[in-house]
Amino acid sequence: MATLAQRLTEAETAWHDLMTGQALVAVYDSNGERVEFRPANRDALRLYILDLKSQIAGAQKPARMIRFNTSKGL
């Protein structure tokens, strides 16, 4: 569970950087060559965060199942 919490923290930090424009997109190296980094897909990152939160919530709560059996009374 510690790994999931760490991944969630990293993903939320990446989300914050992306949304505030702090995500690195392009730099020039010492030779003057341009190196581009594609920012993470916002939708995929958001879904990843939601999935991590769901996994953490599922790990904290015991699974419960309710089963209904019905018949026509015959």
N, C-alpha and C. Protein backbone atom coordinates (compact mmCIF):
# COMPACT_ATOMS: atom_id res chain seq x y z
N MET A 1 0.82 -1.19 0.00
CA MET A 1 0.00 0.00 0.00
C MET A 1 0.86 1.26 0.00
N ALA A 2 2.05 1.19 0.61
CA ALA A 2 2.94 2.35 0.60
C ALA A 2 3.34 2.71 -0.82
N THR A 3 3.52 1.71 -1.66
CA THR A 3 3.88 1.96 -3.05
C THR A 3 2.76 2.70 -3.77
N LEU A 4 1.51 2.29 -3.54
CA LEU A 4 0.38 2.97 -4.18
C LEU A 4 0.29 4.42 -3.72
N ALA A 5 0.50 4.65 -2.43
CA ALA A 5 0.45 6.02 -1.91
C ALA A 5 1.57 6.87 -2.50
N GLN A 6 2.74 6.29 -2.66
CA GLN A 6 3.87 7.01 -3.26
C GLN A 6 3.57 7.32 -4.72
N ARG A 7 3.03 6.35 -5.44
CA ARG A 7 2.68 6.58 -6.85
C ARG A 7 1.62 7.67 -6.99
N LEU A 8 0.65 7.66 -6.07
CA LEU A 8 -0.40 8.67 -6.09
C LEU A 8 0.19 10.06 -5.87
N THR A 9 1.09 10.17 -4.91
CA THR A 9 1.74 11.46 -4.65
C THR A 9 2.50 11.95 -5.88
N GLU A 10 3.24 11.06 -6.51
CA GLU A 10 3.99 11.42 -7.71
C GLU A 10 3.06 11.83 -8.85
N ALA A 11 1.97 11.09 -9.02
CA ALA A 11 1.02 11.40 -10.10
C ALA A 11 0.34 12.73 -9.84
N GLU A 12 -0.03 13.01 -8.59
CA GLU A 12 -0.68 14.29 -8.28
C GLU A 12 0.30 15.45 -8.45
N THR A 13 1.58 15.23 -8.16
CA THR A 13 2.59 16.26 -8.38
C THR A 13 2.73 16.53 -9.88
N ALA A 14 2.76 15.46 -10.67
CA ALA A 14 2.84 15.62 -12.13
C ALA A 14 1.61 16.35 -12.66
N TRP A 15 0.44 16.02 -12.12
CA TRP A 15 -0.80 16.69 -12.53
C TRP A 15 -0.72 18.18 -12.22
N HIS A 16 -0.24 18.50 -11.02
CA HIS A 16 -0.12 19.91 -10.62
C HIS A 16 0.84 20.65 -11.55
N ASP A 17 2.00 20.03 -11.82
CA ASP A 17 2.97 20.65 -12.71
C ASP A 17 2.39 20.87 -14.10
N LEU A 18 1.66 19.89 -14.59
CA LEU A 18 1.06 19.99 -15.92
C LEU A 18 0.02 21.09 -15.97
N MET A 19 -0.82 21.16 -14.95
CA MET A 19 -1.91 22.13 -14.94
C MET A 19 -1.43 23.56 -14.68
N THR A 20 -0.29 23.71 -14.01
CA THR A 20 0.23 25.04 -13.73
C THR A 20 1.29 25.49 -14.73
N GLY A 21 1.50 24.68 -15.76
CA GLY A 21 2.44 25.05 -16.81
C GLY A 21 3.90 24.84 -16.43
N GLN A 22 4.15 24.08 -15.37
CA GLN A 22 5.51 23.86 -14.93
C GLN A 22 6.13 22.62 -15.55
N ALA A 23 5.35 21.87 -16.31
CA ALA A 23 5.88 20.67 -16.96
C ALA A 23 6.86 21.07 -18.05
N LEU A 24 8.02 20.44 -18.06
CA LEU A 24 9.06 20.74 -19.03
C LEU A 24 8.63 20.23 -20.41
N VAL A 25 8.72 21.09 -21.41
CA VAL A 25 8.32 20.70 -22.74
C VAL A 25 9.52 20.63 -23.69
N ALA A 26 10.38 21.62 -23.68
CA ALA A 26 11.54 21.61 -24.59
C ALA A 26 12.72 22.32 -23.94
N VAL A 27 13.91 21.81 -24.19
CA VAL A 27 15.14 22.45 -23.71
C VAL A 27 16.17 22.42 -24.82
N TYR A 28 17.18 23.26 -24.69
CA TYR A 28 18.31 23.26 -25.61
C TYR A 28 19.52 22.76 -24.85
N ASP A 29 20.22 21.75 -25.40
CA ASP A 29 21.39 21.21 -24.71
C ASP A 29 22.61 22.09 -24.99
N SER A 30 23.77 21.68 -24.45
CA SER A 30 24.99 22.49 -24.56
C SER A 30 25.45 22.66 -26.01
N ASN A 31 25.03 21.76 -26.90
CA ASN A 31 25.38 21.87 -28.32
C ASN A 31 24.39 22.71 -29.09
N GLY A 32 23.38 23.22 -28.43
CA GLY A 32 22.38 24.02 -29.10
C GLY A 32 21.27 23.20 -29.74
N GLU A 33 21.27 21.89 -29.50
CA GLU A 33 20.24 21.03 -30.06
C GLU A 33 18.99 21.08 -29.18
N ARG A 34 17.88 21.12 -29.83
CA ARG A 34 16.61 21.17 -29.12
C ARG A 34 16.17 19.75 -28.76
N VAL A 35 15.80 19.55 -27.51
CA VAL A 35 15.29 18.27 -27.04
C VAL A 35 13.88 18.52 -26.53
N GLU A 36 12.92 17.80 -27.09
CA GLU A 36 11.53 18.00 -26.71
C GLU A 36 11.01 16.85 -25.86
N PHE A 37 10.23 17.22 -24.89
CA PHE A 37 9.55 16.24 -24.05
C PHE A 37 8.06 16.48 -24.21
N ARG A 38 7.36 15.40 -24.48
CA ARG A 38 5.91 15.53 -24.64
C ARG A 38 5.26 15.52 -23.27
N PRO A 39 4.43 16.51 -22.97
CA PRO A 39 3.76 16.51 -21.68
C PRO A 39 2.80 15.32 -21.60
N ALA A 40 2.60 14.85 -20.42
CA ALA A 40 1.71 13.71 -20.21
C ALA A 40 0.30 14.04 -20.71
N ASN A 41 -0.36 13.05 -21.19
CA ASN A 41 -1.74 13.21 -21.62
C ASN A 41 -2.58 13.49 -20.39
N ARG A 42 -3.22 14.64 -20.36
CA ARG A 42 -3.99 15.04 -19.18
C ARG A 42 -5.06 14.03 -18.80
N ASP A 43 -5.81 13.57 -19.78
CA ASP A 43 -6.90 12.63 -19.48
C ASP A 43 -6.37 11.31 -18.94
N ALA A 44 -5.31 10.81 -19.55
CA ALA A 44 -4.74 9.55 -19.08
C ALA A 44 -4.17 9.70 -17.68
N LEU A 45 -3.53 10.84 -17.40
CA LEU A 45 -2.98 11.09 -16.08
C LEU A 45 -4.09 11.18 -15.04
N ARG A 46 -5.16 11.87 -15.39
CA ARG A 46 -6.30 11.99 -14.46
C ARG A 46 -6.92 10.62 -14.18
N LEU A 47 -7.09 9.81 -15.20
CA LEU A 47 -7.63 8.46 -15.01
C LEU A 47 -6.70 7.61 -14.15
N TYR A 48 -5.40 7.77 -14.34
CA TYR A 48 -4.42 7.05 -13.55
C TYR A 48 -4.54 7.43 -12.07
N ILE A 49 -4.70 8.71 -11.80
CA ILE A 49 -4.87 9.17 -10.42
C ILE A 49 -6.14 8.58 -9.81
N LEU A 50 -7.22 8.60 -10.55
CA LEU A 50 -8.48 8.03 -10.05
C LEU A 50 -8.36 6.53 -9.81
N ASP A 51 -7.63 5.84 -10.69
CA ASP A 51 -7.43 4.41 -10.52
C ASP A 51 -6.61 4.12 -9.26
N LEU A 52 -5.55 4.90 -9.03
CA LEU A 52 -4.74 4.71 -7.82
C LEU A 52 -5.58 4.95 -6.57
N LYS A 53 -6.40 6.00 -6.58
CA LYS A 53 -7.26 6.28 -5.42
C LYS A 53 -8.23 5.14 -5.19
N SER A 54 -8.75 4.58 -6.26
CA SER A 54 -9.67 3.45 -6.14
C SER A 54 -8.98 2.22 -5.56
N GLN A 55 -7.75 1.96 -6.01
CA GLN A 55 -6.99 0.82 -5.50
C GLN A 55 -6.68 1.00 -4.01
N ILE A 56 -6.32 2.22 -3.63
CA ILE A 56 -6.02 2.49 -2.22
C ILE A 56 -7.27 2.32 -1.37
N ALA A 57 -8.39 2.83 -1.86
CA ALA A 57 -9.65 2.70 -1.12
C ALA A 57 -10.06 1.24 -1.00
N GLY A 58 -9.85 0.47 -2.07
CA GLY A 58 -10.19 -0.95 -2.05
C GLY A 58 -9.31 -1.74 -1.11
N ALA A 59 -8.07 -1.32 -0.96
CA ALA A 59 -7.14 -2.02 -0.07
C ALA A 59 -7.46 -1.72 1.39
N GLN A 60 -8.11 -0.62 1.65
CA GLN A 60 -8.42 -0.23 3.02
C GLN A 60 -9.74 -0.81 3.51
N LYS A 61 -10.61 -1.17 2.61
CA LYS A 61 -11.93 -1.68 2.99
C LYS A 61 -12.05 -3.15 2.60
N PRO A 62 -12.63 -3.94 3.46
CA PRO A 62 -12.86 -5.33 3.06
C PRO A 62 -13.93 -5.40 1.97
N ALA A 63 -13.74 -6.32 1.07
CA ALA A 63 -14.72 -6.50 0.00
C ALA A 63 -16.00 -7.08 0.58
N ARG A 64 -17.11 -6.58 0.14
CA ARG A 64 -18.41 -7.07 0.61
C ARG A 64 -19.25 -7.43 -0.61
N MET A 65 -19.98 -8.49 -0.48
CA MET A 65 -20.83 -8.93 -1.56
C MET A 65 -22.20 -9.28 -0.99
N ILE A 66 -23.21 -8.81 -1.65
CA ILE A 66 -24.58 -9.16 -1.28
C ILE A 66 -25.16 -9.95 -2.43
N ARG A 67 -25.65 -11.13 -2.15
CA ARG A 67 -26.21 -11.97 -3.20
C ARG A 67 -27.70 -12.17 -2.90
N PHE A 68 -28.50 -11.94 -3.91
CA PHE A 68 -29.94 -12.14 -3.80
C PHE A 68 -30.31 -13.36 -4.62
N ASN A 69 -31.05 -14.28 -4.03
CA ASN A 69 -31.60 -15.43 -4.75
C ASN A 69 -33.10 -15.26 -4.79
N THR A 70 -33.64 -15.31 -5.98
CA THR A 70 -35.09 -15.15 -6.12
C THR A 70 -35.66 -16.35 -6.86
N SER A 71 -36.93 -16.54 -6.65
CA SER A 71 -37.63 -17.60 -7.39
C SER A 71 -39.05 -17.14 -7.61
N LYS A 72 -39.76 -17.90 -8.42
CA LYS A 72 -41.16 -17.58 -8.69
C LYS A 72 -42.06 -18.21 -7.66
N GLY A 73 -41.48 -18.88 -6.72
CA GLY A 73 -42.29 -19.49 -5.67
C GLY A 73 -42.89 -20.82 -6.07
N LEU A 74 -42.39 -21.45 -7.09
CA LEU A 74 -42.91 -22.74 -7.51
C LEU A 74 -42.22 -23.86 -6.82
